[in-house]
Amino acid sequence: MNRTLKIAVLSLIGLNAFALGGCTVSTDTKKFVSEPRTTSAAWSSGKALTIKNGNGELFVDTAGTSAGEVQVSGIAFTFDTDEQTATDFLKSFANPTATPDGSGNIVVDAAGTGVHGYDLTVHLPSSFDGALSTDNGNGGTTLHGSPAAVSTTVHNDNGSITADQLSFLINIVTANGDVTVSATPVGQGNVISTDNGDIAARIGAANLSITAQSASGGAVIFPDSWPANYSSSSSGSATIGDGTGTLDARTQLGAITFFAQ
C-alpha cells in the first residue's frame, strides 16, 4: 500500500448489504485519505481571516503555536474507487492554501466537491482579534472561537455547526443541520439560523433584544430568568440587560432552546 494513503471502511447502520428491487447493494464505503498537508500564513493584530472548505469536516480553534501565524492542516480524501486510482488522484489533488491579500487579511482555501475534499483544521493565534469568516460547502463545522474577534460568521451549505467562545457580532447560518452556539453577542444584527434543524444557544451576560421563531411549529423556549413574551409556543421574544443589541434566531424545521450562560 502507498505509504501516503490510508483506507477507512465506513459501514452504515452496521449493515453490509441490503436488497433493493432484487439487487444487492453494498453499504460499505471506502474512504481513502492522505497524510496531513500543512501550510501557514503570517497574521498580525486586527487582520481578518476567511476560511473556505469545499467538502469535508472543518475544525477551527485558537490553539496556534505562534502569536503571529495562522496554521492549517488538511487531510485529503476521496470515496468509492480503487486504491491505485485514489492514490493517483490524491497525489494530484491541490493542497490547501493560506494566502494573505494586499492588506494582510488571510484567505484559507481547500478544494472539494462530490466524493473528494479535505477534513480541514485551522489553528488561530490565541489573541486573534480580527473578523473571522468560515464557509463550508458540505460537512460539519466545529469552531472554538476567539472572544476578541470583532465578528464571527459561520456558513454551512450542508452540515451542523457547533461554535463556542464567541463574542461581538455573530452570524451563524446553515442550510441543513443543527446549530449549537455559546456566545455573548454585542450590537445590532446578530443571527442564528438553520433551514432544517434545532438551535441550542447558550447566551452570556449581554444586552440583547432576542426574537425567535420556528416556522414548523417547533418549540421556542427561553430561560425562566429572562423577561420573555410568547406569541405562540413556536414564536417569542426576550430581553437581556438593556436590550440595545439584537439577536434573531430562526429555524424552518426544528426547535429553538436558549440557555443562560
C-alpha atoms as a PDB file:
ATOM      1  CA  MET A   1       0.000   0.000   0.000  1.00  0.00           C
ATOM      2  CA  ASN A   2       1.192   3.528  -0.753  1.00  0.00           C
ATOM      3  CA  ARG A   3       2.692   4.976   2.428  1.00  0.00           C
ATOM      4  CA  THR A   4       0.847   8.272   1.938  1.00  0.00           C
ATOM      5  CA  LEU A   5      -2.538   6.593   1.604  1.00  0.00           C
ATOM      6  CA  LYS A   6      -4.832   5.287   4.290  1.00  0.00           C
ATOM      7  CA  ILE A   7      -8.117   3.456   3.835  1.00  0.00           C
ATOM      8  CA  ALA A   8     -11.141   3.768   6.081  1.00  0.00           C
ATOM      9  CA  VAL A   9     -14.125   1.499   5.502  1.00  0.00           C
ATOM     10  CA  LEU A  10     -17.370   3.011   6.749  1.00  0.00           C
ATOM     11  CA  SER A  11     -20.352   0.726   7.341  1.00  0.00           C
ATOM     12  CA  LEU A  12     -23.758   2.350   7.518  1.00  0.00           C
ATOM     13  CA  ILE A  13     -26.002   1.243  10.405  1.00  0.00           C
ATOM     14  CA  GLY A  14     -23.899  -1.879  10.840  1.00  0.00           C
ATOM     15  CA  LEU A  15     -25.254  -3.491   7.660  1.00  0.00           C
ATOM     16  CA  ASN A  16     -23.087  -4.927   4.933  1.00  0.00           C
ATOM     17  CA  ALA A  17     -25.779  -5.072   2.262  1.00  0.00           C
ATOM     18  CA  PHE A  18     -29.479  -4.831   1.670  1.00  0.00           C
ATOM     19  CA  ALA A  19     -31.863  -5.948  -1.062  1.00  0.00           C
ATOM     20  CA  LEU A  20     -33.385  -3.320  -3.318  1.00  0.00           C
ATOM     21  CA  GLY A  21     -35.621  -4.292  -6.237  1.00  0.00           C
ATOM     22  CA  GLY A  22     -33.984  -7.710  -6.460  1.00  0.00           C
ATOM     23  CA  CYS A  23     -30.445  -6.295  -6.445  1.00  0.00           C
ATOM     24  CA  THR A  24     -27.878  -6.491  -3.651  1.00  0.00           C
ATOM     25  CA  VAL A  25     -26.427  -3.088  -2.824  1.00  0.00           C
ATOM     26  CA  SER A  26     -23.375  -2.783  -0.593  1.00  0.00           C
ATOM     27  CA  THR A  27     -23.499  -0.128   2.124  1.00  0.00           C
ATOM     28  CA  ASP A  28     -19.749  -0.314   2.792  1.00  0.00           C
ATOM     29  CA  THR A  29     -17.951   2.813   1.619  1.00  0.00           C
ATOM     30  CA  LYS A  30     -14.190   3.069   1.224  1.00  0.00           C
ATOM     31  CA  LYS A  31     -12.670   6.385   2.204  1.00  0.00           C
ATOM     32  CA  PHE A  32      -9.085   6.894   1.029  1.00  0.00           C
ATOM     33  CA  VAL A  33      -7.199   9.612   2.888  1.00  0.00           C
ATOM     34  CA  SER A  34      -3.804  11.288   2.586  1.00  0.00           C
ATOM     35  CA  GLU A  35      -1.265  12.171   5.219  1.00  0.00           C
ATOM     36  CA  PRO A  36      -1.828  15.680   6.674  1.00  0.00           C
ATOM     37  CA  ARG A  37      -0.879  18.552   4.379  1.00  0.00           C
ATOM     38  CA  THR A  38       0.162  21.706   6.176  1.00  0.00           C
ATOM     39  CA  THR A  39       0.609  25.348   5.372  1.00  0.00           C
ATOM     40  CA  SER A  40       0.586  28.660   7.232  1.00  0.00           C
ATOM     41  CA  ALA A  41       0.436  32.409   6.751  1.00  0.00           C
ATOM     42  CA  ALA A  42       1.708  35.333   8.785  1.00  0.00           C
ATOM     43  CA  TRP A  43      -1.015  37.176  10.691  1.00  0.00           C
ATOM     44  CA  SER A  44      -0.990  40.479  12.555  1.00  0.00           C
ATOM     45  CA  SER A  45      -3.436  42.003  15.013  1.00  0.00           C
ATOM     46  CA  GLY A  46      -6.708  43.244  13.550  1.00  0.00           C
ATOM     47  CA  LYS A  47      -6.396  41.391  10.252  1.00  0.00           C
ATOM     48  CA  ALA A  48      -9.301  39.267   9.017  1.00  0.00           C
ATOM     49  CA  LEU A  49      -9.352  35.539   8.284  1.00  0.00           C
ATOM     50  CA  THR A  50     -11.627  33.826   5.756  1.00  0.00           C
ATOM     51  CA  ILE A  51     -11.732  30.009   5.614  1.00  0.00           C
ATOM     52  CA  LYS A  52     -13.266  28.183   2.637  1.00  0.00           C
ATOM     53  CA  ASN A  53     -13.699  24.414   2.639  1.00  0.00           C
ATOM     54  CA  GLY A  54     -15.396  22.865  -0.374  1.00  0.00           C
ATOM     55  CA  ASN A  55     -16.227  19.464   1.093  1.00  0.00           C
ATOM     56  CA  GLY A  56     -15.362  17.850   4.415  1.00  0.00           C
ATOM     57  CA  GLU A  57     -15.299  18.470   8.133  1.00  0.00           C
ATOM     58  CA  LEU A  58     -13.981  21.841   9.302  1.00  0.00           C
ATOM     59  CA  PHE A  59     -12.388  22.365  12.719  1.00  0.00           C
ATOM     60  CA  VAL A  60     -11.187  25.794  13.870  1.00  0.00           C
ATOM     61  CA  ASP A  61      -9.676  26.773  17.209  1.00  0.00           C
ATOM     62  CA  THR A  62      -7.257  29.217  18.835  1.00  0.00           C
ATOM     63  CA  ALA A  63      -4.561  26.643  19.642  1.00  0.00           C
ATOM     64  CA  GLY A  64      -1.990  28.084  17.250  1.00  0.00           C
ATOM     65  CA  THR A  65       1.588  27.734  18.448  1.00  0.00           C
ATOM     66  CA  SER A  66       2.611  31.129  17.082  1.00  0.00           C
ATOM     67  CA  ALA A  67       1.113  34.504  18.013  1.00  0.00           C
ATOM     68  CA  GLY A  68       1.749  35.770  14.508  1.00  0.00           C
ATOM     69  CA  GLU A  69       0.632  32.876  12.335  1.00  0.00           C
ATOM     70  CA  VAL A  70      -2.468  31.060  11.099  1.00  0.00           C
ATOM     71  CA  GLN A  71      -1.692  27.344  10.833  1.00  0.00           C
ATOM     72  CA  VAL A  72      -3.526  24.943   8.521  1.00  0.00           C
ATOM     73  CA  SER A  73      -3.596  21.151   8.339  1.00  0.00           C
ATOM     74  CA  GLY A  74      -5.734  19.282   5.825  1.00  0.00           C
ATOM     75  CA  ILE A  75      -6.306  15.567   5.248  1.00  0.00           C
ATOM     76  CA  ALA A  76      -7.376  14.993   1.653  1.00  0.00           C
ATOM     77  CA  PHE A  77      -9.910  12.255   0.961  1.00  0.00           C
ATOM     78  CA  THR A  78     -11.772  10.533  -1.830  1.00  0.00           C
ATOM     79  CA  PHE A  79     -14.503   7.882  -1.757  1.00  0.00           C
ATOM     80  CA  ASP A  80     -15.598   4.834  -3.719  1.00  0.00           C
ATOM     81  CA  THR A  81     -12.740   3.992  -6.033  1.00  0.00           C
ATOM     82  CA  ASP A  82      -9.872   1.529  -6.240  1.00  0.00           C
ATOM     83  CA  GLU A  83      -6.628   2.101  -4.360  1.00  0.00           C
ATOM     84  CA  GLN A  84      -4.457   2.957  -7.336  1.00  0.00           C
ATOM     85  CA  THR A  85      -6.969   5.456  -8.718  1.00  0.00           C
ATOM     86  CA  ALA A  86      -7.285   7.008  -5.260  1.00  0.00           C
ATOM     87  CA  THR A  87      -3.507   7.213  -4.894  1.00  0.00           C
ATOM     88  CA  ASP A  88      -3.125   8.909  -8.260  1.00  0.00           C
ATOM     89  CA  PHE A  89      -5.966  11.305  -7.551  1.00  0.00           C
ATOM     90  CA  LEU A  90      -4.741  12.317  -4.102  1.00  0.00           C
ATOM     91  CA  LYS A  91      -1.227  12.913  -5.425  1.00  0.00           C
ATOM     92  CA  SER A  92      -2.637  15.407  -7.931  1.00  0.00           C
ATOM     93  CA  PHE A  93      -5.244  16.968  -5.636  1.00  0.00           C
ATOM     94  CA  ALA A  94      -4.413  20.603  -4.873  1.00  0.00           C
ATOM     95  CA  ASN A  95      -3.045  21.326  -1.403  1.00  0.00           C
ATOM     96  CA  PRO A  96      -4.859  23.759   0.910  1.00  0.00           C
ATOM     97  CA  THR A  97      -3.616  27.327   0.631  1.00  0.00           C
ATOM     98  CA  ALA A  98      -3.262  30.185   3.110  1.00  0.00           C
ATOM     99  CA  THR A  99      -2.830  33.432   1.208  1.00  0.00           C
ATOM    100  CA  PRO A 100      -2.523  36.995   2.541  1.00  0.00           C
ATOM    101  CA  ASP A 101      -4.058  39.725   0.407  1.00  0.00           C
ATOM    102  CA  GLY A 102      -2.584  43.147  -0.151  1.00  0.00           C
ATOM    103  CA  SER A 103      -3.988  44.384   3.159  1.00  0.00           C
ATOM    104  CA  GLY A 104      -2.664  41.478   5.211  1.00  0.00           C
ATOM    105  CA  ASN A 105      -6.014  39.695   5.537  1.00  0.00           C
ATOM    106  CA  ILE A 106      -5.752  35.917   5.069  1.00  0.00           C
ATOM    107  CA  VAL A 107      -7.798  33.531   2.931  1.00  0.00           C
ATOM    108  CA  VAL A 108      -7.524  29.788   3.616  1.00  0.00           C
ATOM    109  CA  ASP A 109      -8.902  27.707   0.753  1.00  0.00           C
ATOM    110  CA  ALA A 110      -9.324  23.922   0.492  1.00  0.00           C
ATOM    111  CA  ALA A 111     -10.831  22.433  -2.663  1.00  0.00           C
ATOM    112  CA  GLY A 112     -13.576  19.838  -2.607  1.00  0.00           C
ATOM    113  CA  THR A 113     -16.707  18.618  -4.332  1.00  0.00           C
ATOM    114  CA  GLY A 114     -18.677  15.421  -4.770  1.00  0.00           C
ATOM    115  CA  VAL A 115     -16.707  12.466  -3.368  1.00  0.00           C
ATOM    116  CA  HIS A 116     -13.477  14.245  -2.526  1.00  0.00           C
ATOM    117  CA  GLY A 117     -12.305  17.111  -0.383  1.00  0.00           C
ATOM    118  CA  TYR A 118     -10.491  17.936   2.854  1.00  0.00           C
ATOM    119  CA  ASP A 119     -11.060  17.369   6.523  1.00  0.00           C
ATOM    120  CA  LEU A 120      -9.568  20.717   7.452  1.00  0.00           C
ATOM    121  CA  THR A 121      -8.115  22.030  10.709  1.00  0.00           C
ATOM    122  CA  VAL A 122      -7.198  25.687  11.174  1.00  0.00           C
ATOM    123  CA  HIS A 123      -5.406  26.975  14.273  1.00  0.00           C
ATOM    124  CA  LEU A 124      -5.692  30.690  15.035  1.00  0.00           C
ATOM    125  CA  PRO A 125      -3.437  32.596  17.405  1.00  0.00           C
ATOM    126  CA  SER A 126      -4.983  32.733  20.880  1.00  0.00           C
ATOM    127  CA  SER A 127      -5.051  36.543  20.611  1.00  0.00           C
ATOM    128  CA  PHE A 128      -6.957  36.602  17.303  1.00  0.00           C
ATOM    129  CA  ASP A 129      -8.890  39.890  17.183  1.00  0.00           C
ATOM    130  CA  GLY A 130      -9.877  40.290  13.543  1.00  0.00           C
ATOM    131  CA  ALA A 131     -13.038  39.360  11.657  1.00  0.00           C
ATOM    132  CA  LEU A 132     -13.417  35.577  11.270  1.00  0.00           C
ATOM    133  CA  SER A 133     -15.474  34.032   8.492  1.00  0.00           C
ATOM    134  CA  THR A 134     -15.905  30.353   7.556  1.00  0.00           C
ATOM    135  CA  ASP A 135     -17.729  28.861   4.574  1.00  0.00           C
ATOM    136  CA  ASN A 136     -18.135  25.071   4.402  1.00  0.00           C
ATOM    137  CA  GLY A 137     -19.791  23.595   1.330  1.00  0.00           C
ATOM    138  CA  ASN A 138     -20.568  20.131   2.670  1.00  0.00           C
ATOM    139  CA  GLY A 139     -19.693  18.911   6.150  1.00  0.00           C
ATOM    140  CA  GLY A 140     -19.941  19.866   9.783  1.00  0.00           C
ATOM    141  CA  THR A 141     -18.143  22.863  11.281  1.00  0.00           C
ATOM    142  CA  THR A 142     -16.737  22.972  14.803  1.00  0.00           C
ATOM    143  CA  LEU A 143     -15.420  26.346  15.954  1.00  0.00           C
ATOM    144  CA  HIS A 144     -13.777  27.177  19.259  1.00  0.00           C
ATOM    145  CA  GLY A 145     -13.601  30.881  18.593  1.00  0.00           C
ATOM    146  CA  SER A 146     -11.758  33.867  19.955  1.00  0.00           C
ATOM    147  CA  PRO A 147     -13.702  36.145  22.319  1.00  0.00           C
ATOM    148  CA  ALA A 148     -11.621  39.032  20.937  1.00  0.00           C
ATOM    149  CA  ALA A 149     -12.734  38.514  17.310  1.00  0.00           C
ATOM    150  CA  VAL A 150     -14.637  41.617  16.200  1.00  0.00           C
ATOM    151  CA  SER A 151     -17.112  39.442  14.290  1.00  0.00           C
ATOM    152  CA  THR A 152     -17.669  35.745  13.615  1.00  0.00           C
ATOM    153  CA  THR A 153     -19.514  34.445  10.558  1.00  0.00           C
ATOM    154  CA  VAL A 154     -20.071  30.709  10.102  1.00  0.00           C
ATOM    155  CA  HIS A 155     -21.880  29.474   6.992  1.00  0.00           C
ATOM    156  CA  ASN A 156     -22.588  25.862   6.003  1.00  0.00           C
ATOM    157  CA  ASP A 157     -24.398  24.789   2.862  1.00  0.00           C
ATOM    158  CA  ASN A 158     -24.943  21.336   4.354  1.00  0.00           C
ATOM    159  CA  GLY A 159     -23.846  20.344   7.825  1.00  0.00           C
ATOM    160  CA  SER A 160     -24.318  21.050  11.518  1.00  0.00           C
ATOM    161  CA  ILE A 161     -22.481  23.829  13.333  1.00  0.00           C
ATOM    162  CA  THR A 162     -21.036  23.816  16.835  1.00  0.00           C
ATOM    163  CA  ALA A 163     -19.466  27.114  17.898  1.00  0.00           C
ATOM    164  CA  ASP A 164     -18.403  28.470  21.264  1.00  0.00           C
ATOM    165  CA  GLN A 165     -16.303  31.216  22.862  1.00  0.00           C
ATOM    166  CA  LEU A 166     -17.948  33.794  20.593  1.00  0.00           C
ATOM    167  CA  SER A 167     -18.440  37.473  21.284  1.00  0.00           C
ATOM    168  CA  PHE A 168     -19.269  40.723  19.499  1.00  0.00           C
ATOM    169  CA  LEU A 169     -21.162  40.324  16.198  1.00  0.00           C
ATOM    170  CA  ILE A 170     -22.150  36.754  15.243  1.00  0.00           C
ATOM    171  CA  ASN A 171     -23.789  35.337  12.123  1.00  0.00           C
ATOM    172  CA  ILE A 172     -24.232  31.560  12.332  1.00  0.00           C
ATOM    173  CA  VAL A 173     -26.163  30.024   9.432  1.00  0.00           C
ATOM    174  CA  THR A 174     -26.600  26.552   7.931  1.00  0.00           C
ATOM    175  CA  ALA A 175     -28.984  25.395   5.232  1.00  0.00           C
ATOM    176  CA  ASN A 176     -29.167  21.904   6.744  1.00  0.00           C
ATOM    177  CA  GLY A 177     -28.198  20.805  10.236  1.00  0.00           C
ATOM    178  CA  ASP A 178     -28.429  21.589  13.925  1.00  0.00           C
ATOM    179  CA  VAL A 179     -26.775  24.667  15.414  1.00  0.00           C
ATOM    180  CA  THR A 180     -25.226  24.686  18.882  1.00  0.00           C
ATOM    181  CA  VAL A 181     -23.804  28.042  19.971  1.00  0.00           C
ATOM    182  CA  SER A 182     -22.267  29.543  23.081  1.00  0.00           C
ATOM    183  CA  ALA A 183     -21.813  33.309  22.759  1.00  0.00           C
ATOM    184  CA  THR A 184     -22.059  36.771  24.237  1.00  0.00           C
ATOM    185  CA  PRO A 185     -23.238  38.791  21.221  1.00  0.00           C
ATOM    186  CA  VAL A 186     -22.834  42.555  21.098  1.00  0.00           C
ATOM    187  CA  GLY A 187     -24.596  45.145  18.957  1.00  0.00           C
ATOM    188  CA  GLN A 188     -27.209  45.024  16.238  1.00  0.00           C
ATOM    189  CA  GLY A 189     -27.723  42.327  13.606  1.00  0.00           C
ATOM    190  CA  ASN A 190     -26.738  39.064  15.318  1.00  0.00           C
ATOM    191  CA  VAL A 191     -28.209  35.975  13.619  1.00  0.00           C
ATOM    192  CA  ILE A 192     -28.509  32.238  14.341  1.00  0.00           C
ATOM    193  CA  SER A 193     -30.368  30.309  11.657  1.00  0.00           C
ATOM    194  CA  THR A 194     -30.950  26.883  10.132  1.00  0.00           C
ATOM    195  CA  ASP A 195     -33.338  25.782   7.402  1.00  0.00           C
ATOM    196  CA  ASN A 196     -33.525  22.255   8.797  1.00  0.00           C
ATOM    197  CA  GLY A 197     -32.532  21.534  12.365  1.00  0.00           C
ATOM    198  CA  ASP A 198     -32.674  22.510  16.016  1.00  0.00           C
ATOM    199  CA  ILE A 199     -30.977  25.513  17.595  1.00  0.00           C
ATOM    200  CA  ALA A 200     -29.463  25.406  21.092  1.00  0.00           C
ATOM    201  CA  ALA A 201     -27.995  28.756  22.128  1.00  0.00           C
ATOM    202  CA  ARG A 202     -26.217  29.482  25.389  1.00  0.00           C
ATOM    203  CA  ILE A 203     -26.063  33.272  25.788  1.00  0.00           C
ATOM    204  CA  GLY A 204     -23.833  35.187  28.197  1.00  0.00           C
ATOM    205  CA  ALA A 205     -24.430  38.424  30.078  1.00  0.00           C
ATOM    206  CA  ALA A 206     -25.269  40.566  27.064  1.00  0.00           C
ATOM    207  CA  ASN A 207     -27.566  43.479  26.265  1.00  0.00           C
ATOM    208  CA  LEU A 208     -29.930  41.984  23.718  1.00  0.00           C
ATOM    209  CA  SER A 209     -33.440  42.016  22.366  1.00  0.00           C
ATOM    210  CA  ILE A 210     -33.961  38.453  21.142  1.00  0.00           C
ATOM    211  CA  THR A 211     -36.559  37.227  18.667  1.00  0.00           C
ATOM    212  CA  ALA A 212     -37.038  33.535  17.915  1.00  0.00           C
ATOM    213  CA  GLN A 213     -39.322  31.663  15.558  1.00  0.00           C
ATOM    214  CA  SER A 214     -39.770  28.085  14.359  1.00  0.00           C
ATOM    215  CA  ALA A 215     -41.667  28.047  11.058  1.00  0.00           C
ATOM    216  CA  SER A 216     -42.556  24.362  11.518  1.00  0.00           C
ATOM    217  CA  GLY A 217     -44.177  24.910  14.894  1.00  0.00           C
ATOM    218  CA  GLY A 218     -41.266  23.581  16.936  1.00  0.00           C
ATOM    219  CA  ALA A 219     -40.967  24.779  20.499  1.00  0.00           C
ATOM    220  CA  VAL A 220     -39.270  28.077  21.354  1.00  0.00           C
ATOM    221  CA  ILE A 221     -38.009  28.103  24.935  1.00  0.00           C
ATOM    222  CA  PHE A 222     -36.326  30.917  26.901  1.00  0.00           C
ATOM    223  CA  PRO A 223     -34.843  30.606  30.412  1.00  0.00           C
ATOM    224  CA  ASP A 224     -37.262  31.483  33.210  1.00  0.00           C
ATOM    225  CA  SER A 225     -34.870  34.204  34.369  1.00  0.00           C
ATOM    226  CA  TRP A 226     -35.275  36.187  31.129  1.00  0.00           C
ATOM    227  CA  PRO A 227     -38.222  38.568  30.654  1.00  0.00           C
ATOM    228  CA  ALA A 228     -39.991  36.900  27.740  1.00  0.00           C
ATOM    229  CA  ASN A 229     -43.154  37.189  25.662  1.00  0.00           C
ATOM    230  CA  TYR A 230     -44.555  34.308  23.622  1.00  0.00           C
ATOM    231  CA  SER A 231     -46.871  34.977  20.702  1.00  0.00           C
ATOM    232  CA  SER A 232     -47.225  31.186  20.388  1.00  0.00           C
ATOM    233  CA  SER A 233     -45.381  28.067  21.514  1.00  0.00           C
ATOM    234  CA  SER A 234     -43.159  28.436  18.425  1.00  0.00           C
ATOM    235  CA  SER A 235     -42.517  32.188  18.465  1.00  0.00           C
ATOM    236  CA  GLY A 236     -41.413  34.672  21.065  1.00  0.00           C
ATOM    237  CA  SER A 237     -39.079  37.398  22.248  1.00  0.00           C
ATOM    238  CA  ALA A 238     -36.931  38.030  25.285  1.00  0.00           C
ATOM    239  CA  THR A 239     -34.724  40.788  26.683  1.00  0.00           C
ATOM    240  CA  ILE A 240     -31.337  40.539  28.344  1.00  0.00           C
ATOM    241  CA  GLY A 241     -29.818  43.589  30.041  1.00  0.00           C
ATOM    242  CA  ASP A 242     -30.854  46.866  28.452  1.00  0.00           C
ATOM    243  CA  GLY A 243     -31.855  45.213  25.159  1.00  0.00           C
ATOM    244  CA  THR A 244     -29.846  47.567  22.966  1.00  0.00           C
ATOM    245  CA  GLY A 245     -28.408  44.803  20.796  1.00  0.00           C
ATOM    246  CA  THR A 246     -30.403  42.387  18.644  1.00  0.00           C
ATOM    247  CA  LEU A 247     -30.324  38.646  18.055  1.00  0.00           C
ATOM    248  CA  ASP A 248     -32.643  36.853  15.648  1.00  0.00           C
ATOM    249  CA  ALA A 249     -32.900  33.041  15.851  1.00  0.00           C
ATOM    250  CA  ARG A 250     -34.878  31.153  13.226  1.00  0.00           C
ATOM    251  CA  THR A 251     -35.411  27.598  12.050  1.00  0.00           C
ATOM    252  CA  GLN A 252     -37.616  26.382   9.241  1.00  0.00           C
ATOM    253  CA  LEU A 253     -37.877  22.901  10.760  1.00  0.00           C
ATOM    254  CA  GLY A 254     -36.960  22.299  14.378  1.00  0.00           C
ATOM    255  CA  ALA A 255     -36.980  23.726  17.892  1.00  0.00           C
ATOM    256  CA  ILE A 256     -35.108  26.650  19.466  1.00  0.00           C
ATOM    257  CA  THR A 257     -33.856  26.490  23.046  1.00  0.00           C
ATOM    258  CA  PHE A 258     -31.972  29.246  24.847  1.00  0.00           C
ATOM    259  CA  PHE A 259     -29.874  28.843  27.984  1.00  0.00           C
ATOM    260  CA  ALA A 260     -28.359  31.452  30.274  1.00  0.00           C
ATOM    261  CA  GLN A 261     -24.579  31.140  30.228  1.00  0.00           C
END
